[in-house]
Structures are given as structure tokens and as C-alpha cells.
């Protein structure tokens, strides 16, 4: 299948940050490349003073009906935390873990449904080669059968700058929401970075 991904990051005044992405996808195991489905996330983060913690909100609209949940939580940035942060920055690694404790909105799941998200980036060769990725652990407690459940979505992308802001990329994905035969895969493509600088 084919995927078109658009990422957006904006560092705003007063410790605010906005990050979003949208994946437009074609049907799996089909010859059509029509982008007939989408999944997106919109994150708002607010830094708590000079600490390595953020208050976070997430909205995740996607194709279909009654399936656009929202979350509230807290994020920890180990790469901005004391000696650990210095060690990670020395290795050219940024890492953050986000715990969404409250879930709101539509969806067939019942019970308490927190989400644990890991995100990282390693600049292996600064300005040339990077590795970045995330892992989302979606959990449910107290559903109809009373047993805990979990599903994981994870993506890991290596990029190599070809020229200017154009990168060749290879990506491995795991999506436990998909049928068993389609849950993992490797994709190849290109990425173009467009920076915007806004001055007051």
C-alpha cells in the first residue's frame, strides 16, 4: 500500500508546542494507490516551568465514525533531565515518554484506557543520517470481560540526506490494530523538510 505522511511542528511562546501528523493511506493488499483513508494526531504540550515535564493533550481523528478519541496526560523529557540528559545529548539522542492518563470520546472500548508513548531521535551523523521513531502502547482495563488488553503501534525510520532538505527514508511499522497478516512491514520513500521561521 501507499502512504503519504505530513508532519508539523511549531514551537510557540510561553512554553507551548504543537505537533501533528496525518497519514493518508491506500488499501492494504490492493493494486489501487488511491489514498482513501487517514489517521492523524494533534498534540499540544505546555512545559511546566524549567522542569523536564510537560502537560499534554492529544486529539486523534481518523477515517470512520465514532473513533476520534482525545487524551490528557503528562510528558517527561529524559534528554532534558540532569546527568541523564547530558549523557543523552552527548550521544546526540533526544527521548521523551508521554503517559496519557485520561481518555475521552468515541470508540468501542470500555473501561479505563490510558496510553503510554515513547518517542526518540538519534542523529547518527549530524546533518546527514538519523534514526527516529515511536512506540504507542494502548491499554484497556475493566472492559466487558474484566481482563486487561493492549495493542501497540510502532514506527522506526532511518533517513539519509541526499541533497539540501531531501532525504531517502526506510521505515519499519508495527500496527496491532490491523489483521495479523498486515501488522508489520517495511517501506521505502522520500522526505522533504520545509522549515518556517516566524519572528514577532
Protein backbone atom coordinates (compact mmCIF):
# COMPACT_ATOMS: atom_id res chain seq x y z
CA UNK A 1 0.00 0.00 0.00
CA UNK A 2 0.97 3.66 -0.35
CA UNK A 3 1.26 6.22 2.46
CA UNK A 4 1.60 10.00 2.34
CA UNK A 5 2.60 11.48 5.72
CA UNK A 6 2.61 15.17 6.61
CA UNK A 7 4.31 16.21 9.89
CA UNK A 8 4.04 19.63 11.53
CA UNK A 9 5.99 21.04 14.49
CA UNK A 10 5.61 24.54 15.93
CA UNK A 11 7.47 25.85 18.99
CA UNK A 12 5.27 28.60 20.40
CA UNK A 13 5.73 31.27 23.10
CA UNK A 14 5.25 30.61 26.84
CA UNK A 15 6.46 27.03 26.71
CA UNK A 16 3.79 25.82 24.29
CA UNK A 17 4.47 23.36 21.49
CA UNK A 18 2.19 21.99 18.77
CA UNK A 19 2.99 18.75 16.93
CA UNK A 20 0.77 16.97 14.43
CA UNK A 21 0.87 14.39 11.71
CA UNK A 22 -1.57 12.88 9.26
CA UNK A 23 -1.14 9.58 7.41
CA UNK A 24 -3.11 9.23 4.17
CA UNK A 25 -3.17 5.56 3.15
CA UNK A 26 -4.32 3.37 0.29
CA UNK A 27 -6.00 -0.03 0.89
CA UNK A 28 -3.70 -2.84 2.01
CA UNK A 29 -3.15 -5.80 -0.34
CA UNK A 30 -4.78 -3.95 -3.25
CA UNK A 31 -3.49 -2.67 -6.58
CA UNK A 32 -5.12 0.73 -6.07
CA UNK A 33 -2.94 3.60 -4.83
CA UNK A 34 -5.91 5.86 -4.08
CA UNK A 35 -5.46 7.48 -0.67
CA UNK A 36 -8.89 6.65 0.73
CA UNK A 37 -8.15 6.54 4.48
CA UNK A 38 -6.40 8.69 7.04
CA UNK A 39 -5.18 8.72 10.62
CA UNK A 40 -3.93 11.83 12.40
CA UNK A 41 -2.77 13.08 15.78
CA UNK A 42 -2.70 16.63 17.13
CA UNK A 43 -0.56 17.21 20.23
CA UNK A 44 -0.45 20.34 22.38
CA UNK A 45 2.27 20.44 25.05
CA UNK A 46 2.91 23.00 27.76
CA UNK A 47 6.25 22.99 29.58
CA UNK A 48 5.94 23.12 33.38
CA UNK A 49 8.37 25.92 34.20
CA UNK A 50 12.01 24.92 33.87
CA UNK A 51 11.31 21.26 34.71
CA UNK A 52 11.65 18.41 32.18
CA UNK A 53 7.88 17.81 32.35
CA UNK A 54 5.04 18.91 30.06
CA UNK A 55 1.27 18.84 30.41
CA UNK A 56 -0.12 17.30 27.24
CA UNK A 57 -3.34 17.00 25.26
CA UNK A 58 -3.92 14.77 22.24
CA UNK A 59 -6.73 14.53 19.71
CA UNK A 60 -6.64 11.64 17.20
CA UNK A 61 -9.21 11.98 14.37
CA UNK A 62 -9.27 9.25 11.73
CA UNK A 63 -11.39 7.69 8.99
CA UNK A 64 -14.75 6.29 10.04
CA UNK A 65 -17.31 7.27 12.65
CA UNK A 66 -17.24 7.27 16.46
CA UNK A 67 -13.48 6.71 16.66
CA UNK A 68 -11.80 10.09 17.35
CA UNK A 69 -10.53 9.91 20.95
CA UNK A 70 -8.85 12.66 22.96
CA UNK A 71 -6.35 12.26 25.80
CA UNK A 72 -4.86 14.29 28.65
CA UNK A 73 -1.57 13.42 30.29
CA UNK A 74 1.97 14.34 31.27
CA UNK A 75 5.24 14.01 29.35
CA UNK A 76 8.76 13.53 30.72
CA UNK A 77 11.81 14.55 28.68
CA UNK A 78 14.78 12.47 29.93
CA UNK A 79 17.05 14.25 27.45
CA UNK A 80 16.42 17.47 29.43
CA UNK A 81 16.92 15.81 32.84
CA UNK A 82 20.20 16.46 34.68
CA UNK A 83 23.02 13.99 34.20
CA UNK A 84 20.87 11.63 32.16
CA UNK A 85 20.05 14.46 29.81
CA UNK A 86 23.70 15.39 29.40
CA UNK A 87 24.56 11.78 28.57
CA UNK A 88 21.77 11.52 26.01
CA UNK A 89 22.63 14.84 24.38
CA UNK A 90 26.28 13.81 24.26
CA UNK A 91 25.18 10.76 22.27
CA UNK A 92 23.03 13.03 20.04
CA UNK A 93 19.83 11.37 21.32
CA UNK A 94 16.54 13.01 22.26
CA UNK A 95 13.93 10.92 24.07
CA UNK A 96 10.55 11.58 25.67
CA UNK A 97 7.88 9.43 27.28
CA UNK A 98 4.25 10.54 27.43
CA UNK A 99 1.64 8.99 29.74
CA UNK A 100 -1.93 9.81 28.74
CA UNK A 101 -3.95 9.03 31.85
CA UNK A 102 -7.40 10.19 30.76
CA UNK A 103 -9.17 9.19 27.55
CA UNK A 104 -12.32 10.83 26.20
CA UNK A 105 -14.51 10.46 23.15
CA UNK A 106 -15.76 7.80 20.83
CA UNK A 107 -14.64 4.21 20.49
CA UNK A 108 -15.87 0.67 21.12
CA UNK A 109 -13.50 0.05 24.05
CA UNK A 110 -14.80 0.28 27.58
CA UNK A 111 -13.16 0.87 30.91
CA UNK A 112 -10.03 2.87 31.72
CA UNK A 113 -7.90 3.30 28.59
CA UNK A 114 -4.53 5.01 29.20
CA UNK A 115 -1.79 5.27 26.59
CA UNK A 116 2.00 5.14 27.04
CA UNK A 117 4.03 6.72 24.24
CA UNK A 118 7.80 6.64 23.67
CA UNK A 119 9.46 8.88 21.07
CA UNK A 120 13.13 9.25 20.19
CA UNK A 121 15.58 10.61 17.64
CA UNK A 122 19.25 9.76 17.13
CA UNK A 123 21.35 11.97 14.87
CA UNK A 124 23.84 9.26 13.93
CA UNK A 125 25.72 11.56 11.53
CA UNK A 126 24.54 15.12 12.25
CA UNK A 127 23.10 16.76 9.17
CA UNK A 128 23.29 13.54 7.15
CA UNK A 129 21.88 10.35 8.78
CA UNK A 130 19.23 9.98 11.51
CA UNK A 131 17.09 7.31 13.17
CA UNK A 132 13.78 8.28 14.70
CA UNK A 133 10.68 6.52 15.89
CA UNK A 134 7.95 5.96 18.42
CA UNK A 135 6.01 3.23 20.19
CA UNK A 136 2.44 3.73 21.44
CA UNK A 137 1.11 1.21 23.96
CA UNK A 138 -2.67 1.42 24.12
CA UNK A 139 -4.12 -0.22 27.23
CA UNK A 140 -7.64 -1.08 28.42
CA UNK A 141 -8.65 -2.07 31.94
CA UNK A 142 -12.09 -3.12 33.15
CA UNK A 143 -13.66 -3.92 29.80
CA UNK A 144 -16.67 -6.18 29.31
CA UNK A 145 -14.75 -9.33 30.25
CA UNK A 146 -12.83 -7.62 33.06
CA UNK A 147 -9.39 -8.53 31.68
CA UNK A 148 -6.71 -6.01 30.65
CA UNK A 149 -5.90 -5.69 26.96
CA UNK A 150 -3.25 -3.89 24.95
CA UNK A 151 -2.32 -3.01 21.39
CA UNK A 152 0.90 -1.45 20.14
CA UNK A 153 1.61 0.83 17.20
CA UNK A 154 5.27 1.46 16.46
CA UNK A 155 7.26 3.09 13.65
CA UNK A 156 11.03 3.42 13.19
CA UNK A 157 12.50 5.45 10.34
CA UNK A 158 16.07 5.87 9.10
CA UNK A 159 16.79 8.88 6.90
CA UNK A 160 19.77 9.81 4.75
CA UNK A 161 20.05 13.35 3.39
CA UNK A 162 20.56 13.26 -0.37
CA UNK A 163 20.70 16.97 -1.17
CA UNK A 164 19.55 20.15 0.54
CA UNK A 165 16.42 19.11 2.53
CA UNK A 166 15.60 15.98 0.54
CA UNK A 167 16.02 12.64 2.35
CA UNK A 168 15.78 9.00 1.32
CA UNK A 169 13.96 7.07 4.05
CA UNK A 170 13.26 3.48 5.03
CA UNK A 171 10.67 2.70 7.69
CA UNK A 172 9.52 -0.34 9.65
CA UNK A 173 5.99 -0.32 11.07
CA UNK A 174 4.00 -2.42 13.51
CA UNK A 175 0.26 -1.88 13.86
CA UNK A 176 -1.63 -4.37 16.03
CA UNK A 177 -4.95 -2.84 15.02
CA UNK A 178 -4.57 -4.41 11.55
CA UNK A 179 -5.23 -8.04 10.59
CA UNK A 180 -2.44 -10.43 11.58
CA UNK A 181 -1.05 -10.72 8.04
CA UNK A 182 -0.77 -6.93 7.63
CA UNK A 183 0.58 -5.87 11.03
CA UNK A 184 4.24 -5.40 10.09
CA UNK A 185 6.01 -4.12 7.01
CA UNK A 186 8.91 -2.13 5.60
CA UNK A 187 8.50 0.87 3.33
CA UNK A 188 10.84 2.97 1.20
CA UNK A 189 10.35 6.56 0.14
CA UNK A 190 11.48 10.16 0.24
CA UNK A 191 11.01 13.01 2.69
CA UNK A 192 11.30 16.76 2.19
CA UNK A 193 11.74 19.17 5.10
CA UNK A 194 10.24 22.67 4.87
CA UNK A 195 11.31 24.95 7.74
CA UNK A 196 9.37 28.11 8.61
CA UNK A 197 10.80 30.86 10.79
CA UNK A 198 8.26 33.28 12.24
CA UNK A 199 9.55 36.34 14.06
CA UNK A 200 7.34 38.65 16.14
